[in-house]
C-alpha atoms as a PDB file:
ATOM      1  CA  UNK A   1       0.000   0.000   0.000  1.00  0.00           C
ATOM      2  CA  UNK A   2       1.264   3.435  -0.887  1.00  0.00           C
ATOM      3  CA  UNK A   3       1.824   5.941   1.848  1.00  0.00           C
ATOM      4  CA  UNK A   4       0.773   9.546   1.415  1.00  0.00           C
ATOM      5  CA  UNK A   5       4.410  10.499   0.882  1.00  0.00           C
ATOM      6  CA  UNK A   6       4.799   7.941  -1.894  1.00  0.00           C
ATOM      7  CA  UNK A   7       1.508   8.993  -3.468  1.00  0.00           C
ATOM      8  CA  UNK A   8       2.670  12.606  -3.496  1.00  0.00           C
ATOM      9  CA  UNK A   9       5.998  11.604  -5.052  1.00  0.00           C
ATOM     10  CA  UNK A  10       4.233   9.531  -7.661  1.00  0.00           C
ATOM     11  CA  UNK A  11       1.934  12.432  -8.542  1.00  0.00           C
ATOM     12  CA  UNK A  12       4.920  14.771  -8.893  1.00  0.00           C
ATOM     13  CA  UNK A  13       6.838  12.304 -11.068  1.00  0.00           C
ATOM     14  CA  UNK A  14       3.822  11.697 -13.271  1.00  0.00           C
ATOM     15  CA  UNK A  15       3.269  15.442 -13.601  1.00  0.00           C
ATOM     16  CA  UNK A  16       6.831  15.971 -14.767  1.00  0.00           C
ATOM     17  CA  UNK A  17       6.744  12.982 -17.109  1.00  0.00           C
ATOM     18  CA  UNK A  18       3.518  14.286 -18.574  1.00  0.00           C
ATOM     19  CA  UNK A  19       5.196  17.672 -18.974  1.00  0.00           C
ATOM     20  CA  UNK A  20       8.071  16.117 -20.894  1.00  0.00           C
ATOM     21  CA  UNK A  21       5.691  14.161 -23.102  1.00  0.00           C
ATOM     22  CA  UNK A  22       3.505  17.196 -23.788  1.00  0.00           C
ATOM     23  CA  UNK A  23       6.588  19.343 -24.432  1.00  0.00           C
ATOM     24  CA  UNK A  24       8.080  16.792 -26.805  1.00  0.00           C
ATOM     25  CA  UNK A  25       4.753  16.397 -28.584  1.00  0.00           C
ATOM     26  CA  UNK A  26       4.393  20.163 -28.839  1.00  0.00           C
ATOM     27  CA  UNK A  27       7.867  20.533 -30.295  1.00  0.00           C
ATOM     28  CA  UNK A  28       7.185  17.711 -32.734  1.00  0.00           C
ATOM     29  CA  UNK A  29       3.887  19.230 -33.864  1.00  0.00           C
ATOM     30  CA  UNK A  30       5.398  22.697 -34.135  1.00  0.00           C
ATOM     31  CA  UNK A  31       8.231  21.433 -36.293  1.00  0.00           C
ATOM     32  CA  UNK A  32       5.914  19.277 -38.387  1.00  0.00           C
ATOM     33  CA  UNK A  33       3.450  22.082 -39.000  1.00  0.00           C
ATOM     34  CA  UNK A  34       6.166  24.523 -39.955  1.00  0.00           C
ATOM     35  CA  UNK A  35       8.549  22.371 -41.917  1.00  0.00           C
ATOM     36  CA  UNK A  36       6.902  19.311 -43.345  1.00  0.00           C
ATOM     37  CA  UNK A  37       4.081  20.529 -45.487  1.00  0.00           C
ATOM     38  CA  UNK A  38       4.101  18.312 -48.525  1.00  0.00           C
ATOM     39  CA  UNK A  39       5.649  19.900 -51.559  1.00  0.00           C
ATOM     40  CA  UNK A  40       2.352  19.547 -53.369  1.00  0.00           C
ATOM     41  CA  UNK A  41       0.607  21.609 -50.652  1.00  0.00           C
ATOM     42  CA  UNK A  42       2.814  24.554 -51.569  1.00  0.00           C
ATOM     43  CA  UNK A  43       2.203  23.843 -55.239  1.00  0.00           C
ATOM     44  CA  UNK A  44      -1.551  23.711 -54.645  1.00  0.00           C
ATOM     45  CA  UNK A  45      -1.385  27.077 -52.888  1.00  0.00           C
ATOM     46  CA  UNK A  46       0.541  28.581 -55.806  1.00  0.00           C
ATOM     47  CA  UNK A  47      -1.889  27.041 -58.301  1.00  0.00           C
ATOM     48  CA  UNK A  48      -4.843  28.511 -56.432  1.00  0.00           C
ATOM     49  CA  UNK A  49      -3.204  31.936 -56.192  1.00  0.00           C
ATOM     50  CA  UNK A  50      -2.358  31.876 -59.889  1.00  0.00           C
ATOM     51  CA  UNK A  51      -5.955  30.999 -60.729  1.00  0.00           C
ATOM     52  CA  UNK A  52      -7.614  33.508 -58.384  1.00  0.00           C
ATOM     53  CA  UNK A  53      -5.236  36.406 -59.034  1.00  0.00           C
ATOM     54  CA  UNK A  54      -4.695  35.563 -62.735  1.00  0.00           C
ATOM     55  CA  UNK A  55      -0.911  35.516 -62.451  1.00  0.00           C
ATOM     56  CA  UNK A  56       1.116  35.646 -65.616  1.00  0.00           C
ATOM     57  CA  UNK A  57       3.797  32.962 -66.008  1.00  0.00           C
ATOM     58  CA  UNK A  58       6.455  35.543 -65.134  1.00  0.00           C
ATOM     59  CA  UNK A  59       4.573  36.616 -62.009  1.00  0.00           C
ATOM     60  CA  UNK A  60       4.087  33.009 -61.003  1.00  0.00           C
ATOM     61  CA  UNK A  61       7.822  32.381 -61.274  1.00  0.00           C
ATOM     62  CA  UNK A  62       8.513  35.418 -59.098  1.00  0.00           C
ATOM     63  CA  UNK A  63       5.958  34.299 -56.511  1.00  0.00           C
ATOM     64  CA  UNK A  64       7.459  30.800 -56.449  1.00  0.00           C
ATOM     65  CA  UNK A  65      10.904  32.311 -55.852  1.00  0.00           C
ATOM     66  CA  UNK A  66       9.578  34.548 -53.067  1.00  0.00           C
ATOM     67  CA  UNK A  67       7.901  31.600 -51.356  1.00  0.00           C
ATOM     68  CA  UNK A  68      11.062  29.504 -51.655  1.00  0.00           C
ATOM     69  CA  UNK A  69      13.023  32.312 -50.005  1.00  0.00           C
ATOM     70  CA  UNK A  70      10.470  32.576 -47.197  1.00  0.00           C
ATOM     71  CA  UNK A  71      10.677  28.810 -46.589  1.00  0.00           C
ATOM     72  CA  UNK A  72      14.431  29.198 -46.178  1.00  0.00           C
ATOM     73  CA  UNK A  73      13.870  32.050 -43.709  1.00  0.00           C
ATOM     74  CA  UNK A  74      11.428  29.898 -41.733  1.00  0.00           C
ATOM     75  CA  UNK A  75      14.032  27.136 -41.621  1.00  0.00           C
ATOM     76  CA  UNK A  76      16.609  29.572 -40.247  1.00  0.00           C
ATOM     77  CA  UNK A  77      14.158  30.666 -37.551  1.00  0.00           C
ATOM     78  CA  UNK A  78      13.452  27.053 -36.586  1.00  0.00           C
ATOM     79  CA  UNK A  79      17.164  26.374 -36.300  1.00  0.00           C
ATOM     80  CA  UNK A  80      17.616  29.498 -34.158  1.00  0.00           C
ATOM     81  CA  UNK A  81      14.780  28.429 -31.848  1.00  0.00           C
ATOM     82  CA  UNK A  82      15.928  24.838 -31.566  1.00  0.00           C
ATOM     83  CA  UNK A  83      18.470  25.511 -28.775  1.00  0.00           C
ATOM     84  CA  UNK A  84      15.698  27.058 -26.679  1.00  0.00           C
ATOM     85  CA  UNK A  85      13.511  23.972 -27.105  1.00  0.00           C
ATOM     86  CA  UNK A  86      16.460  21.757 -26.219  1.00  0.00           C
ATOM     87  CA  UNK A  87      17.271  23.842 -23.133  1.00  0.00           C
ATOM     88  CA  UNK A  88      13.707  23.580 -21.825  1.00  0.00           C
ATOM     89  CA  UNK A  89      13.634  19.841 -22.500  1.00  0.00           C
ATOM     90  CA  UNK A  90      17.010  19.278 -20.816  1.00  0.00           C
ATOM     91  CA  UNK A  91      16.084  21.377 -17.787  1.00  0.00           C
ATOM     92  CA  UNK A  92      12.839  19.441 -17.376  1.00  0.00           C
ATOM     93  CA  UNK A  93      14.669  16.148 -17.646  1.00  0.00           C
ATOM     94  CA  UNK A  94      17.140  17.225 -14.976  1.00  0.00           C
ATOM     95  CA  UNK A  95      14.312  18.206 -12.656  1.00  0.00           C
ATOM     96  CA  UNK A  96      12.601  14.858 -13.174  1.00  0.00           C
ATOM     97  CA  UNK A  97      15.878  12.983 -12.712  1.00  0.00           C
ATOM     98  CA  UNK A  98      16.526  14.773  -9.420  1.00  0.00           C
ATOM     99  CA  UNK A  99      13.366  13.428  -7.770  1.00  0.00           C
ATOM    100  CA  UNK A 100      13.796   9.813  -8.870  1.00  0.00           C
ATOM    101  CA  UNK A 101      15.541   7.142  -6.844  1.00  0.00           C
ATOM    102  CA  UNK A 102      18.565   5.504  -8.563  1.00  0.00           C
ATOM    103  CA  UNK A 103      16.632   2.535  -9.985  1.00  0.00           C
ATOM    104  CA  UNK A 104      14.089   4.881 -11.604  1.00  0.00           C
ATOM    105  CA  UNK A 105      16.829   7.202 -12.812  1.00  0.00           C
ATOM    106  CA  UNK A 106      18.276   4.331 -14.848  1.00  0.00           C
ATOM    107  CA  UNK A 107      14.889   3.603 -16.409  1.00  0.00           C
ATOM    108  CA  UNK A 108      14.244   7.282 -17.072  1.00  0.00           C
ATOM    109  CA  UNK A 109      17.646   7.693 -18.748  1.00  0.00           C
ATOM    110  CA  UNK A 110      16.989   4.649 -20.934  1.00  0.00           C
ATOM    111  CA  UNK A 111      13.561   5.974 -21.866  1.00  0.00           C
ATOM    112  CA  UNK A 112      14.914   9.409 -22.792  1.00  0.00           C
ATOM    113  CA  UNK A 113      17.704   7.852 -24.899  1.00  0.00           C
ATOM    114  CA  UNK A 114      15.088   5.869 -26.828  1.00  0.00           C
ATOM    115  CA  UNK A 115      12.918   8.966 -27.223  1.00  0.00           C
ATOM    116  CA  UNK A 116      15.905  10.955 -28.494  1.00  0.00           C
ATOM    117  CA  UNK A 117      16.836   8.198 -30.952  1.00  0.00           C
ATOM    118  CA  UNK A 118      13.297   8.170 -32.359  1.00  0.00           C
ATOM    119  CA  UNK A 119      13.307  11.956 -32.699  1.00  0.00           C
ATOM    120  CA  UNK A 120      16.714  11.938 -34.410  1.00  0.00           C
ATOM    121  CA  UNK A 121      15.524   9.257 -36.820  1.00  0.00           C
ATOM    122  CA  UNK A 122      12.429  11.302 -37.706  1.00  0.00           C
ATOM    123  CA  UNK A 123      14.562  14.411 -38.210  1.00  0.00           C
ATOM    124  CA  UNK A 124      16.958  12.466 -40.441  1.00  0.00           C
ATOM    125  CA  UNK A 125      14.053  11.113 -42.493  1.00  0.00           C
ATOM    126  CA  UNK A 126      12.630  14.627 -42.799  1.00  0.00           C
ATOM    127  CA  UNK A 127      15.968  16.021 -44.009  1.00  0.00           C
ATOM    128  CA  UNK A 128      16.289  13.206 -46.546  1.00  0.00           C
ATOM    129  CA  UNK A 129      12.733  13.808 -47.763  1.00  0.00           C
ATOM    130  CA  UNK A 130      13.377  17.534 -48.145  1.00  0.00           C
ATOM    131  CA  UNK A 131      16.588  16.803 -50.056  1.00  0.00           C
ATOM    132  CA  UNK A 132      14.769  14.411 -52.408  1.00  0.00           C
ATOM    133  CA  UNK A 133      12.071  17.045 -53.020  1.00  0.00           C
ATOM    134  CA  UNK A 134      14.723  19.695 -53.645  1.00  0.00           C
ATOM    135  CA  UNK A 135      16.584  17.392 -56.052  1.00  0.00           C
ATOM    136  CA  UNK A 136      13.366  16.514 -57.891  1.00  0.00           C
ATOM    137  CA  UNK A 137      12.455  20.173 -58.227  1.00  0.00           C
ATOM    138  CA  UNK A 138      15.952  21.014 -59.514  1.00  0.00           C
ATOM    139  CA  UNK A 139      15.768  18.171 -62.020  1.00  0.00           C
ATOM    140  CA  UNK A 140      12.339  19.310 -63.212  1.00  0.00           C
ATOM    141  CA  UNK A 141      13.591  22.881 -63.519  1.00  0.00           C
ATOM    142  CA  UNK A 142      16.648  21.758 -65.474  1.00  0.00           C
ATOM    143  CA  UNK A 143      14.460  19.654 -67.773  1.00  0.00           C
ATOM    144  CA  UNK A 144      12.142  22.623 -68.370  1.00  0.00           C
ATOM    145  CA  UNK A 145      15.065  24.945 -69.139  1.00  0.00           C
ATOM    146  CA  UNK A 146      16.668  22.483 -71.577  1.00  0.00           C
ATOM    147  CA  UNK A 147      13.499  22.347 -73.735  1.00  0.00           C
END
């Protein structure tokens, strides 16, 4: 049977763990919503704008260039903010670690390593996807220019 002291400790630990999970999920969703829109979503937006505003081909090319530049600026901002996300995550982990007994600390450290590995894998896959999309776009552009 749990004593009141153990119940209180368990509630605190669960609160912090929930905070880490919510923070990690929030960071994931933020990064996904700002960086992983499918390439065709951007193309659909440009197509709609061209149709509604009656863009000429020259204007469309300029708009596409402007949007590509803004995507690069967004990426720079995400990279600048990343250390702040990491600092909050690391500080929270340290706080959680400090209230756990040694046997739970080991489990918590293992869990966070696995979580980090999953996040790094997703980030790697996202970078590879973005590179493939960039390469495909460059190849399409080169094919269009050679005609």
